Every structure is written in structure tokens, then in C-alpha cells.
N, C-alpha and C. Protein backbone atom coordinates (compact mmCIF):
# COMPACT_ATOMS: atom_id res chain seq x y z
N MET A 1 -2.00 -9.94 -22.45
CA MET A 1 -2.30 -8.55 -22.72
C MET A 1 -3.27 -7.98 -21.69
N MET A 2 -4.26 -8.81 -21.30
CA MET A 2 -5.25 -8.34 -20.34
C MET A 2 -4.63 -8.04 -18.98
N ALA A 3 -3.59 -8.78 -18.63
CA ALA A 3 -2.92 -8.51 -17.36
C ALA A 3 -2.25 -7.14 -17.38
N TRP A 4 -1.68 -6.76 -18.51
CA TRP A 4 -1.05 -5.44 -18.62
C TRP A 4 -2.09 -4.33 -18.56
N ILE A 5 -3.24 -4.56 -19.19
CA ILE A 5 -4.32 -3.59 -19.13
C ILE A 5 -4.78 -3.43 -17.69
N SER A 6 -4.93 -4.55 -17.01
CA SER A 6 -5.34 -4.52 -15.61
C SER A 6 -4.30 -3.82 -14.75
N LEU A 7 -3.03 -4.03 -15.05
CA LEU A 7 -1.96 -3.38 -14.29
C LEU A 7 -2.01 -1.86 -14.46
N GLY A 8 -2.25 -1.40 -15.67
CA GLY A 8 -2.36 0.04 -15.90
C GLY A 8 -3.51 0.66 -15.13
N TRP A 9 -4.66 0.00 -15.15
CA TRP A 9 -5.80 0.51 -14.40
C TRP A 9 -5.57 0.44 -12.90
N ALA A 10 -4.92 -0.62 -12.43
CA ALA A 10 -4.65 -0.75 -11.00
C ALA A 10 -3.67 0.34 -10.54
N PHE A 11 -2.68 0.66 -11.37
CA PHE A 11 -1.73 1.71 -11.02
C PHE A 11 -2.44 3.06 -10.94
N ALA A 12 -3.28 3.35 -11.94
CA ALA A 12 -4.02 4.62 -11.94
C ALA A 12 -4.97 4.69 -10.75
N ALA A 13 -5.65 3.60 -10.45
CA ALA A 13 -6.58 3.58 -9.32
C ALA A 13 -5.84 3.75 -8.00
N SER A 14 -4.68 3.15 -7.88
CA SER A 14 -3.90 3.31 -6.65
C SER A 14 -3.45 4.76 -6.47
N ALA A 15 -3.10 5.40 -7.57
CA ALA A 15 -2.73 6.82 -7.50
C ALA A 15 -3.93 7.66 -7.10
N MET A 16 -5.12 7.31 -7.61
CA MET A 16 -6.33 8.03 -7.22
C MET A 16 -6.61 7.87 -5.73
N LEU A 17 -6.43 6.65 -5.24
CA LEU A 17 -6.61 6.44 -3.80
C LEU A 17 -5.56 7.20 -3.00
N GLY A 18 -4.36 7.30 -3.55
CA GLY A 18 -3.32 8.09 -2.89
C GLY A 18 -3.70 9.56 -2.81
N LEU A 19 -4.37 10.05 -3.86
CA LEU A 19 -4.80 11.45 -3.85
C LEU A 19 -5.93 11.70 -2.86
N SER A 20 -6.50 10.64 -2.31
CA SER A 20 -7.54 10.82 -1.29
C SER A 20 -6.93 10.91 0.11
N MET A 21 -5.60 10.85 0.21
CA MET A 21 -4.92 10.96 1.49
C MET A 21 -4.13 12.26 1.53
N HIS A 22 -4.25 12.97 2.63
CA HIS A 22 -3.63 14.30 2.74
C HIS A 22 -2.12 14.26 2.54
N ARG A 23 -1.47 13.23 3.09
CA ARG A 23 -0.01 13.15 2.95
C ARG A 23 0.41 13.05 1.49
N HIS A 24 -0.28 12.22 0.74
CA HIS A 24 0.09 12.03 -0.66
C HIS A 24 -0.37 13.21 -1.52
N GLN A 25 -1.41 13.90 -1.11
CA GLN A 25 -1.80 15.13 -1.81
C GLN A 25 -0.65 16.13 -1.74
N GLU A 26 -0.06 16.26 -0.56
CA GLU A 26 1.09 17.16 -0.40
C GLU A 26 2.25 16.73 -1.28
N GLN A 27 2.49 15.42 -1.36
CA GLN A 27 3.61 14.92 -2.16
C GLN A 27 3.39 15.15 -3.66
N MET A 28 2.19 14.83 -4.14
CA MET A 28 1.94 14.89 -5.57
C MET A 28 1.53 16.27 -6.08
N LEU A 29 0.83 17.03 -5.25
CA LEU A 29 0.28 18.31 -5.71
C LEU A 29 0.86 19.52 -4.99
N SER A 30 1.61 19.31 -3.93
CA SER A 30 2.17 20.38 -3.09
C SER A 30 1.09 21.20 -2.38
N ARG A 31 -0.07 20.64 -2.23
CA ARG A 31 -1.14 21.28 -1.46
C ARG A 31 -2.16 20.24 -1.07
N GLU A 32 -2.98 20.59 -0.10
CA GLU A 32 -4.05 19.68 0.31
C GLU A 32 -5.33 20.06 -0.40
N LEU A 33 -6.10 19.07 -0.75
CA LEU A 33 -7.38 19.29 -1.41
C LEU A 33 -8.49 19.39 -0.38
N GLY A 34 -9.60 19.96 -0.77
CA GLY A 34 -10.75 20.05 0.11
C GLY A 34 -11.45 18.70 0.26
N VAL A 35 -12.40 18.66 1.16
CA VAL A 35 -13.12 17.42 1.45
C VAL A 35 -13.85 16.88 0.22
N PRO A 36 -14.55 17.70 -0.58
CA PRO A 36 -15.24 17.13 -1.75
C PRO A 36 -14.29 16.47 -2.75
N TRP A 37 -13.13 17.10 -2.98
CA TRP A 37 -12.16 16.51 -3.91
C TRP A 37 -11.56 15.24 -3.34
N THR A 38 -11.30 15.23 -2.04
CA THR A 38 -10.76 14.04 -1.40
C THR A 38 -11.73 12.88 -1.54
N LEU A 39 -13.01 13.14 -1.29
CA LEU A 39 -14.02 12.09 -1.44
C LEU A 39 -14.15 11.64 -2.89
N ALA A 40 -14.09 12.58 -3.82
CA ALA A 40 -14.18 12.23 -5.24
C ALA A 40 -13.03 11.34 -5.67
N TRP A 41 -11.80 11.64 -5.23
CA TRP A 41 -10.65 10.80 -5.57
C TRP A 41 -10.78 9.42 -4.95
N ARG A 42 -11.33 9.35 -3.74
CA ARG A 42 -11.51 8.05 -3.09
C ARG A 42 -12.50 7.18 -3.87
N VAL A 43 -13.63 7.76 -4.23
CA VAL A 43 -14.64 7.01 -5.00
C VAL A 43 -14.07 6.59 -6.35
N ALA A 44 -13.38 7.51 -7.03
CA ALA A 44 -12.79 7.19 -8.33
C ALA A 44 -11.75 6.07 -8.20
N GLY A 45 -10.99 6.08 -7.12
CA GLY A 45 -9.99 5.04 -6.90
C GLY A 45 -10.61 3.68 -6.72
N TYR A 46 -11.67 3.61 -5.92
CA TYR A 46 -12.33 2.32 -5.72
C TYR A 46 -13.00 1.83 -7.00
N LEU A 47 -13.59 2.75 -7.77
CA LEU A 47 -14.16 2.36 -9.05
C LEU A 47 -13.07 1.88 -10.01
N GLY A 48 -11.93 2.53 -9.98
CA GLY A 48 -10.81 2.12 -10.81
C GLY A 48 -10.30 0.73 -10.46
N LEU A 49 -10.31 0.40 -9.19
CA LEU A 49 -9.91 -0.95 -8.79
C LEU A 49 -10.89 -1.98 -9.33
N GLY A 50 -12.17 -1.63 -9.33
CA GLY A 50 -13.17 -2.52 -9.92
C GLY A 50 -12.98 -2.68 -11.41
N VAL A 51 -12.64 -1.59 -12.09
CA VAL A 51 -12.39 -1.65 -13.53
C VAL A 51 -11.17 -2.52 -13.81
N ALA A 52 -10.18 -2.48 -12.93
CA ALA A 52 -8.98 -3.31 -13.12
C ALA A 52 -9.28 -4.80 -13.03
N LEU A 53 -10.37 -5.15 -12.37
CA LEU A 53 -10.75 -6.56 -12.26
C LEU A 53 -11.35 -7.09 -13.56
N ILE A 54 -12.00 -6.24 -14.32
CA ILE A 54 -12.73 -6.68 -15.52
C ILE A 54 -11.83 -7.36 -16.55
N PRO A 55 -10.65 -6.81 -16.90
CA PRO A 55 -9.81 -7.53 -17.89
C PRO A 55 -9.37 -8.90 -17.38
N CYS A 56 -9.14 -9.02 -16.10
CA CYS A 56 -8.76 -10.33 -15.56
C CYS A 56 -9.92 -11.32 -15.70
N LEU A 57 -11.14 -10.85 -15.45
CA LEU A 57 -12.30 -11.73 -15.58
C LEU A 57 -12.55 -12.13 -17.03
N ARG A 58 -12.20 -11.26 -17.96
CA ARG A 58 -12.36 -11.59 -19.37
C ARG A 58 -11.32 -12.60 -19.85
N ALA A 59 -10.17 -12.63 -19.20
CA ALA A 59 -9.09 -13.50 -19.65
C ALA A 59 -9.10 -14.88 -18.99
N TRP A 60 -9.57 -14.96 -17.74
CA TRP A 60 -9.48 -16.21 -17.00
C TRP A 60 -10.79 -16.53 -16.30
N SER A 61 -10.82 -17.72 -15.71
CA SER A 61 -11.97 -18.08 -14.88
C SER A 61 -11.96 -17.22 -13.62
N VAL A 62 -13.06 -17.22 -12.88
CA VAL A 62 -13.20 -16.31 -11.75
C VAL A 62 -12.12 -16.53 -10.70
N SER A 63 -11.83 -17.78 -10.36
CA SER A 63 -10.84 -18.02 -9.30
C SER A 63 -9.45 -17.57 -9.72
N VAL A 64 -9.06 -17.85 -10.95
CA VAL A 64 -7.75 -17.42 -11.44
C VAL A 64 -7.73 -15.91 -11.62
N ALA A 65 -8.84 -15.34 -12.08
CA ALA A 65 -8.91 -13.90 -12.30
C ALA A 65 -8.73 -13.12 -11.00
N VAL A 66 -9.36 -13.57 -9.93
CA VAL A 66 -9.22 -12.88 -8.65
C VAL A 66 -7.78 -12.97 -8.14
N ALA A 67 -7.17 -14.15 -8.28
CA ALA A 67 -5.78 -14.31 -7.86
C ALA A 67 -4.85 -13.42 -8.69
N ALA A 68 -5.07 -13.38 -9.99
CA ALA A 68 -4.25 -12.53 -10.86
C ALA A 68 -4.47 -11.06 -10.53
N TRP A 69 -5.72 -10.67 -10.27
CA TRP A 69 -6.05 -9.29 -9.93
C TRP A 69 -5.34 -8.86 -8.65
N LEU A 70 -5.32 -9.75 -7.66
CA LEU A 70 -4.62 -9.42 -6.41
C LEU A 70 -3.11 -9.27 -6.65
N GLY A 71 -2.56 -10.09 -7.52
CA GLY A 71 -1.15 -9.94 -7.88
C GLY A 71 -0.89 -8.64 -8.61
N VAL A 72 -1.79 -8.27 -9.50
CA VAL A 72 -1.67 -7.02 -10.24
C VAL A 72 -1.76 -5.84 -9.28
N LEU A 73 -2.69 -5.89 -8.33
CA LEU A 73 -2.81 -4.82 -7.34
C LEU A 73 -1.52 -4.68 -6.53
N THR A 74 -0.93 -5.81 -6.18
CA THR A 74 0.31 -5.78 -5.43
C THR A 74 1.43 -5.13 -6.24
N ALA A 75 1.56 -5.52 -7.49
CA ALA A 75 2.61 -4.94 -8.34
C ALA A 75 2.39 -3.44 -8.54
N ALA A 76 1.14 -3.04 -8.75
CA ALA A 76 0.84 -1.62 -8.95
C ALA A 76 1.14 -0.82 -7.69
N ALA A 77 0.78 -1.36 -6.54
CA ALA A 77 1.03 -0.66 -5.28
C ALA A 77 2.52 -0.52 -5.01
N MET A 78 3.30 -1.55 -5.33
CA MET A 78 4.74 -1.48 -5.13
C MET A 78 5.37 -0.45 -6.06
N ALA A 79 4.93 -0.41 -7.31
CA ALA A 79 5.46 0.57 -8.26
C ALA A 79 5.09 1.99 -7.83
N LEU A 80 3.85 2.18 -7.39
CA LEU A 80 3.44 3.51 -6.94
C LEU A 80 4.18 3.91 -5.68
N GLY A 81 4.39 2.97 -4.78
CA GLY A 81 5.14 3.27 -3.56
C GLY A 81 6.57 3.71 -3.86
N ALA A 82 7.19 3.06 -4.83
CA ALA A 82 8.55 3.45 -5.21
C ALA A 82 8.56 4.84 -5.84
N LEU A 83 7.57 5.12 -6.69
CA LEU A 83 7.50 6.45 -7.30
C LEU A 83 7.22 7.53 -6.25
N LEU A 84 6.36 7.25 -5.30
CA LEU A 84 6.07 8.24 -4.27
C LEU A 84 7.28 8.51 -3.39
N ALA A 85 8.13 7.51 -3.23
CA ALA A 85 9.32 7.69 -2.40
C ALA A 85 10.40 8.50 -3.12
N TYR A 86 10.56 8.28 -4.42
CA TYR A 86 11.68 8.89 -5.12
C TYR A 86 11.30 10.00 -6.09
N ALA A 87 10.11 9.94 -6.66
CA ALA A 87 9.68 10.96 -7.62
C ALA A 87 8.17 11.15 -7.53
N PRO A 88 7.69 11.80 -6.47
CA PRO A 88 6.24 11.88 -6.26
C PRO A 88 5.49 12.61 -7.37
N ARG A 89 6.10 13.59 -8.00
CA ARG A 89 5.41 14.30 -9.09
C ARG A 89 5.22 13.40 -10.30
N MET A 90 6.15 12.50 -10.52
CA MET A 90 6.05 11.58 -11.65
C MET A 90 4.93 10.55 -11.46
N ALA A 91 4.54 10.32 -10.21
CA ALA A 91 3.48 9.35 -9.95
C ALA A 91 2.17 9.79 -10.58
N LEU A 92 1.87 11.06 -10.49
CA LEU A 92 0.64 11.59 -11.07
C LEU A 92 0.66 11.49 -12.59
N ALA A 93 1.77 11.87 -13.19
CA ALA A 93 1.90 11.76 -14.64
C ALA A 93 1.87 10.31 -15.09
N GLY A 94 2.54 9.45 -14.33
CA GLY A 94 2.54 8.03 -14.66
C GLY A 94 1.16 7.41 -14.56
N ALA A 95 0.38 7.85 -13.59
CA ALA A 95 -0.97 7.32 -13.44
C ALA A 95 -1.85 7.73 -14.62
N GLY A 96 -1.72 8.96 -15.04
CA GLY A 96 -2.50 9.41 -16.20
C GLY A 96 -2.10 8.67 -17.46
N LEU A 97 -0.82 8.49 -17.64
CA LEU A 97 -0.33 7.76 -18.81
C LEU A 97 -0.77 6.29 -18.76
N ALA A 98 -0.72 5.68 -17.58
CA ALA A 98 -1.14 4.28 -17.45
C ALA A 98 -2.62 4.12 -17.76
N ALA A 99 -3.46 5.04 -17.27
CA ALA A 99 -4.89 4.96 -17.55
C ALA A 99 -5.16 5.14 -19.04
N LEU A 100 -4.47 6.08 -19.66
CA LEU A 100 -4.66 6.33 -21.09
C LEU A 100 -4.21 5.13 -21.92
N ALA A 101 -3.02 4.62 -21.63
CA ALA A 101 -2.49 3.48 -22.38
C ALA A 101 -3.36 2.24 -22.20
N SER A 102 -3.83 2.02 -20.99
CA SER A 102 -4.70 0.86 -20.74
C SER A 102 -6.02 0.99 -21.47
N SER A 103 -6.57 2.18 -21.49
CA SER A 103 -7.83 2.40 -22.21
C SER A 103 -7.67 2.15 -23.70
N VAL A 104 -6.60 2.68 -24.27
CA VAL A 104 -6.35 2.49 -25.71
C VAL A 104 -6.11 1.02 -26.01
N ALA A 105 -5.32 0.35 -25.18
CA ALA A 105 -5.05 -1.07 -25.40
C ALA A 105 -6.32 -1.90 -25.28
N TRP A 106 -7.19 -1.53 -24.37
CA TRP A 106 -8.43 -2.26 -24.18
C TRP A 106 -9.34 -2.10 -25.41
N MET A 107 -9.32 -0.94 -26.02
CA MET A 107 -10.12 -0.71 -27.23
C MET A 107 -9.59 -1.54 -28.40
N ILE A 108 -8.28 -1.72 -28.43
CA ILE A 108 -7.67 -2.45 -29.54
C ILE A 108 -7.93 -3.95 -29.40
N VAL A 109 -7.88 -4.44 -28.16
CA VAL A 109 -8.03 -5.88 -27.93
C VAL A 109 -9.41 -6.32 -28.13
């Protein structure tokens, strides 16, 4: 269960990092954001990646948790890349849904 929670947070964080890049801002929002918003999305994305590590650390030892976290990051990045290629608007909605579902699941567990 913790791996799925971590995957949801990693997907949302990857989308946040994508929103810190001008190309992906155009894809997801149809406009470019200003410098303060770009910086805010970058910081939020990196914090989200850190949050995605916590469920892995709660489920496994540190060495296994880091390996699992890297695998989760890879899966999230591949899923986001596919969404950005074929349905960029859905990536933003999917990221919000993933963050919400992961948060709720984390509260239940």
C-alpha cells in the first residue's frame, strides 16, 4: 500500500516539476507562467519528491526504501511522459487526483 501512496505523490511531484518548465506550462496550461510561479512549482515539486520518499521509509529499511523510491520515481515519470505526449491537459488533472488519493490513503493507513 505504501508503494502506491508513494507512486501517487511521485506522479504529482513530477507534474509540479513539469509545471516549472516553460514547454510543459504551454502543454498543460496553454500559457507560460511568470518567474515567481515557475519557482514556486519547482520548490513544490522537489518537496513532493521528498514526501514520496516517506512512505517507502515507513514500509522498508533505508536501503530497500531508496531503491523502491527510485523505482517509483521512474514509473511516475514514465506515466507522466506518456500523458504529456498524448493528453497533456489530463496530466494536470491526474496529478491533482493522484495527490488527493495518496493523501487520503495515507490517512487511512
